[in-house]
């Protein structure tokens, strides 16, 4: 399994988020807030043991920071990412594959090309009546078709999901730019990106997830096999 030590991961995220040198300790404290929530998963190693970060764990932490930049508190961030991790995981696999590999599969086409992770943030969730509290649902949308998310009734009918409470409040994260961006920052820190090994690790993880994610991973594996991607 491909793994990297914590230090270059932190340095990459510092660079990616333009953290001032004198604010690095404060930034590290923000990262520890996620660790207290058990995020990234599988990183709490105990006293005296150094954690190794898989690419999956690095993306988990990167997205947690991105959602914090939008204004969501750590507990909400982790709850949302845990709930939607299967979809995100398949998305990341699609990003690191050549664009044409998934184009012939109707189910997987949404995870190829340039796309965004889209959701409708509810930072005041805790102030809503309990019956109206909804954890944000994340979905993918092609970058070229982002305008459609502002016609939520039609868009949500198309993806088989309920219309959000506040469709006028929309957040979109450019998935490709985030994944490729964190890879580039890791390379700047001297990390060797073993793309084949990373892809294999991600597919293995997806095969152990929920039924829908497992099915998508199996179809991705078949598509790779048909294309003879080494």
Protein backbone atom coordinates (compact mmCIF):
# COMPACT_ATOMS: atom_id res chain seq x y z
CA UNK A 1 0.00 0.00 0.00
CA UNK A 2 1.22 3.51 -0.89
CA UNK A 3 1.71 5.65 2.22
CA UNK A 4 3.56 8.82 3.17
CA UNK A 5 4.61 10.32 6.51
CA UNK A 6 2.62 13.11 8.15
CA UNK A 7 5.19 15.92 7.74
CA UNK A 8 5.03 16.27 3.93
CA UNK A 9 1.22 15.95 4.07
CA UNK A 10 0.99 18.86 6.50
CA UNK A 11 3.45 20.90 4.43
CA UNK A 12 1.47 20.21 1.25
CA UNK A 13 -1.77 21.35 2.90
CA UNK A 14 -0.06 24.45 4.31
CA UNK A 15 1.04 25.34 0.78
CA UNK A 16 -2.33 24.49 -0.73
CA UNK A 17 -4.17 26.75 1.74
CA UNK A 18 -1.63 29.62 1.76
CA UNK A 19 -1.01 29.38 5.51
CA UNK A 20 1.40 32.01 6.83
CA UNK A 21 4.51 30.58 8.60
CA UNK A 22 3.56 32.21 11.90
CA UNK A 23 0.07 30.64 11.69
CA UNK A 24 1.23 27.08 11.08
CA UNK A 25 0.75 26.02 14.71
CA UNK A 26 -2.84 27.29 14.61
CA UNK A 27 -3.40 25.41 11.34
CA UNK A 28 -2.02 22.22 12.90
CA UNK A 29 -4.51 22.66 15.75
CA UNK A 30 -7.32 22.79 13.16
CA UNK A 31 -6.09 19.51 11.72
CA UNK A 32 -6.10 17.95 15.21
CA UNK A 33 -9.77 18.90 15.55
CA UNK A 34 -10.53 16.47 12.75
CA UNK A 35 -8.31 13.81 14.30
CA UNK A 36 -10.35 14.07 17.50
CA UNK A 37 -13.41 13.23 15.40
CA UNK A 38 -11.63 10.14 14.04
CA UNK A 39 -10.87 11.76 10.68
CA UNK A 40 -9.06 10.75 8.53
CA UNK A 41 -10.15 7.21 9.33
CA UNK A 42 -7.51 4.77 10.55
CA UNK A 43 -4.93 7.43 11.42
CA UNK A 44 -5.17 7.43 15.24
CA UNK A 45 -2.20 5.14 15.84
CA UNK A 46 -1.64 5.64 19.56
CA UNK A 47 1.31 7.05 21.50
CA UNK A 48 4.76 6.42 20.08
CA UNK A 49 3.66 5.29 16.64
CA UNK A 50 3.99 7.41 13.54
CA UNK A 51 1.01 7.46 11.21
CA UNK A 52 1.36 6.62 7.55
CA UNK A 53 -1.08 8.47 5.29
CA UNK A 54 -2.62 6.64 2.34
CA UNK A 55 -3.81 8.75 -0.58
CA UNK A 56 -7.36 8.14 0.58
CA UNK A 57 -6.52 9.60 4.01
CA UNK A 58 -4.83 12.59 2.38
CA UNK A 59 -7.95 13.32 0.31
CA UNK A 60 -10.11 12.90 3.42
CA UNK A 61 -8.07 15.54 5.24
CA UNK A 62 -7.87 17.82 2.19
CA UNK A 63 -11.65 17.83 1.78
CA UNK A 64 -12.19 18.39 5.49
CA UNK A 65 -10.13 21.57 5.21
CA UNK A 66 -12.01 22.66 2.07
CA UNK A 67 -15.35 22.30 3.84
CA UNK A 68 -13.94 24.23 6.80
CA UNK A 69 -12.98 27.00 4.38
CA UNK A 70 -16.66 27.19 3.44
CA UNK A 71 -17.57 27.60 7.12
CA UNK A 72 -18.81 24.19 8.29
CA UNK A 73 -17.71 23.10 11.81
CA UNK A 74 -15.54 19.97 12.25
CA UNK A 75 -18.30 17.67 13.54
CA UNK A 76 -20.54 18.52 10.57
CA UNK A 77 -17.66 18.21 8.13
CA UNK A 78 -16.77 14.72 9.35
CA UNK A 79 -20.41 13.58 9.45
CA UNK A 80 -20.95 14.73 5.88
CA UNK A 81 -17.73 13.22 4.53
CA UNK A 82 -18.37 9.89 6.27
CA UNK A 83 -21.85 9.71 4.83
CA UNK A 84 -20.71 10.54 1.28
CA UNK A 85 -17.27 8.90 1.28
CA UNK A 86 -18.21 6.11 -1.13
CA UNK A 87 -19.20 8.63 -3.81
CA UNK A 88 -16.08 10.72 -3.18
CA UNK A 89 -13.85 7.64 -3.33
CA UNK A 90 -15.21 6.60 -6.73
CA UNK A 91 -14.80 10.20 -7.89
CA UNK A 92 -11.12 10.21 -6.94
CA UNK A 93 -10.54 6.96 -8.83
CA UNK A 94 -12.18 8.52 -11.89
CA UNK A 95 -9.96 11.59 -11.66
CA UNK A 96 -6.70 9.62 -11.66
CA UNK A 97 -7.80 7.45 -14.60
CA UNK A 98 -7.39 8.58 -18.24
CA UNK A 99 -10.50 10.54 -19.28
CA UNK A 100 -11.71 8.03 -21.86
CA UNK A 101 -11.69 4.92 -19.65
CA UNK A 102 -15.15 5.47 -18.13
CA UNK A 103 -16.84 7.27 -21.02
CA UNK A 104 -18.56 4.14 -22.39
CA UNK A 105 -20.26 3.29 -19.08
CA UNK A 106 -23.47 5.25 -18.43
CA UNK A 107 -23.20 4.70 -14.68
CA UNK A 108 -19.56 5.82 -14.45
CA UNK A 109 -19.49 8.64 -17.01
CA UNK A 110 -20.25 11.17 -14.25
CA UNK A 111 -16.84 10.34 -12.75
CA UNK A 112 -14.80 11.13 -15.86
CA UNK A 113 -13.70 14.41 -17.38
CA UNK A 114 -13.82 17.65 -15.39
CA UNK A 115 -16.44 17.70 -12.64
CA UNK A 116 -17.34 19.26 -9.30
CA UNK A 117 -18.58 18.01 -5.96
CA UNK A 118 -21.77 19.98 -5.32
CA UNK A 119 -23.80 20.36 -2.15
CA UNK A 120 -26.10 22.80 -0.38
CA UNK A 121 -24.43 23.82 2.91
CA UNK A 122 -26.40 24.17 6.15
CA UNK A 123 -23.94 25.73 8.63
CA UNK A 124 -26.84 26.67 10.93
CA UNK A 125 -28.01 23.07 11.07
CA UNK A 126 -28.02 23.02 14.89
CA UNK A 127 -30.51 25.92 15.01
CA UNK A 128 -33.09 24.21 12.81
CA UNK A 129 -36.02 22.19 14.28
CA UNK A 130 -34.87 18.60 14.80
CA UNK A 131 -37.35 17.26 12.26
CA UNK A 132 -35.94 19.60 9.59
CA UNK A 133 -32.25 18.84 10.14
CA UNK A 134 -30.67 17.38 7.01
CA UNK A 135 -27.06 16.33 6.56
CA UNK A 136 -25.76 17.79 3.30
CA UNK A 137 -26.01 15.44 0.32
CA UNK A 138 -23.02 15.65 -1.99
CA UNK A 139 -23.26 14.85 -5.71
CA UNK A 140 -21.12 15.17 -8.81
CA UNK A 141 -21.83 17.58 -11.67
CA UNK A 142 -19.84 18.28 -14.86
CA UNK A 143 -18.06 21.62 -14.65
CA UNK A 144 -19.50 22.61 -18.01
CA UNK A 145 -23.02 21.92 -16.70
CA UNK A 146 -22.87 23.62 -13.30
CA UNK A 147 -25.62 26.02 -14.34
CA UNK A 148 -28.13 23.17 -14.07
CA UNK A 149 -27.71 22.97 -10.30
CA UNK A 150 -29.50 26.31 -10.05
CA UNK A 151 -32.62 24.64 -11.46
CA UNK A 152 -32.82 22.24 -8.50
CA UNK A 153 -36.22 20.68 -9.15
CA UNK A 154 -35.18 19.33 -12.54
CA UNK A 155 -31.64 18.54 -11.40
CA UNK A 156 -32.66 16.59 -8.30
CA UNK A 157 -35.34 14.71 -10.20
CA UNK A 158 -32.65 13.66 -12.67
CA UNK A 159 -30.32 12.31 -9.96
CA UNK A 160 -33.14 10.75 -7.93
CA UNK A 161 -32.68 12.87 -4.81
CA UNK A 162 -34.90 15.17 -2.79
CA UNK A 163 -34.77 18.91 -3.33
CA UNK A 164 -32.64 20.64 -0.65
CA UNK A 165 -34.08 22.93 2.02
CA UNK A 166 -32.25 25.98 0.65
CA UNK A 167 -31.45 25.40 -3.04
CA UNK A 168 -30.35 29.02 -3.44
CA UNK A 169 -27.29 28.33 -1.25
CA UNK A 170 -24.97 26.22 -3.37
CA UNK A 171 -21.34 25.17 -2.89
CA UNK A 172 -19.23 23.56 -5.60
CA UNK A 173 -15.71 22.19 -5.18
CA UNK A 174 -13.72 21.52 -8.35
CA UNK A 175 -12.89 17.85 -7.73
CA UNK A 176 -10.14 17.53 -10.35
CA UNK A 177 -8.38 20.68 -9.20
CA UNK A 178 -8.40 19.53 -5.57
CA UNK A 179 -7.09 16.02 -6.24
CA UNK A 180 -4.49 17.12 -8.79
CA UNK A 181 -3.59 20.11 -6.62
CA UNK A 182 -2.78 18.05 -3.54
CA UNK A 183 -0.75 15.64 -5.69
CA UNK A 184 1.27 18.56 -7.07
CA UNK A 185 1.92 19.94 -3.57
CA UNK A 186 3.05 16.51 -2.37
CA UNK A 187 5.47 16.27 -5.29
CA UNK A 188 6.87 19.70 -4.28
CA UNK A 189 7.59 18.16 -0.86
CA UNK A 190 9.63 15.39 -2.49
CA UNK A 191 6.92 12.72 -2.31
CA UNK A 192 6.96 10.15 -5.10
CA UNK A 193 3.43 9.68 -6.45
CA UNK A 194 3.00 6.04 -7.45
CA UNK A 195 -0.20 6.44 -9.42
CA UNK A 196 -0.72 2.74 -10.23
CA UNK A 197 -0.32 1.75 -6.59
CA UNK A 198 -2.58 4.58 -5.43
CA UNK A 199 -5.26 3.58 -7.91
CA UNK A 200 -5.08 -0.06 -6.79
CA UNK A 201 -5.35 1.00 -3.12
CA UNK A 202 -8.41 3.16 -3.84
CA UNK A 203 -10.19 0.42 -5.78
CA UNK A 204 -9.46 -2.09 -3.00
CA UNK A 205 -10.95 0.33 -0.47
CA UNK A 206 -14.01 0.92 -2.66
CA UNK A 207 -14.60 -2.83 -2.98
CA UNK A 208 -14.89 -2.98 0.83
CA UNK A 209 -17.42 -0.12 1.04
CA UNK A 210 -21.22 -0.09 0.77
CA UNK A 211 -22.99 -2.09 -1.94
CA UNK A 212 -23.31 0.77 -4.45
CA UNK A 213 -19.66 1.80 -4.09
CA UNK A 214 -18.57 -1.85 -4.41
CA UNK A 215 -20.61 -2.23 -7.60
CA UNK A 216 -19.09 0.93 -9.07
CA UNK A 217 -15.60 -0.27 -8.15
CA UNK A 218 -16.24 -3.59 -9.88
CA UNK A 219 -17.37 -1.75 -13.02
CA UNK A 220 -14.31 0.51 -12.88
CA UNK A 221 -12.08 -2.55 -12.56
CA UNK A 222 -13.79 -4.09 -15.60
CA UNK A 223 -13.41 -0.87 -17.60
CA UNK A 224 -9.69 -0.73 -16.75
CA UNK A 225 -9.32 -4.37 -17.76
CA UNK A 226 -11.02 -3.71 -21.11
CA UNK A 227 -8.74 -0.74 -21.74
CA UNK A 228 -5.64 -2.67 -20.57
CA UNK A 229 -4.56 0.19 -18.28
CA UNK A 230 -1.42 -0.98 -16.47
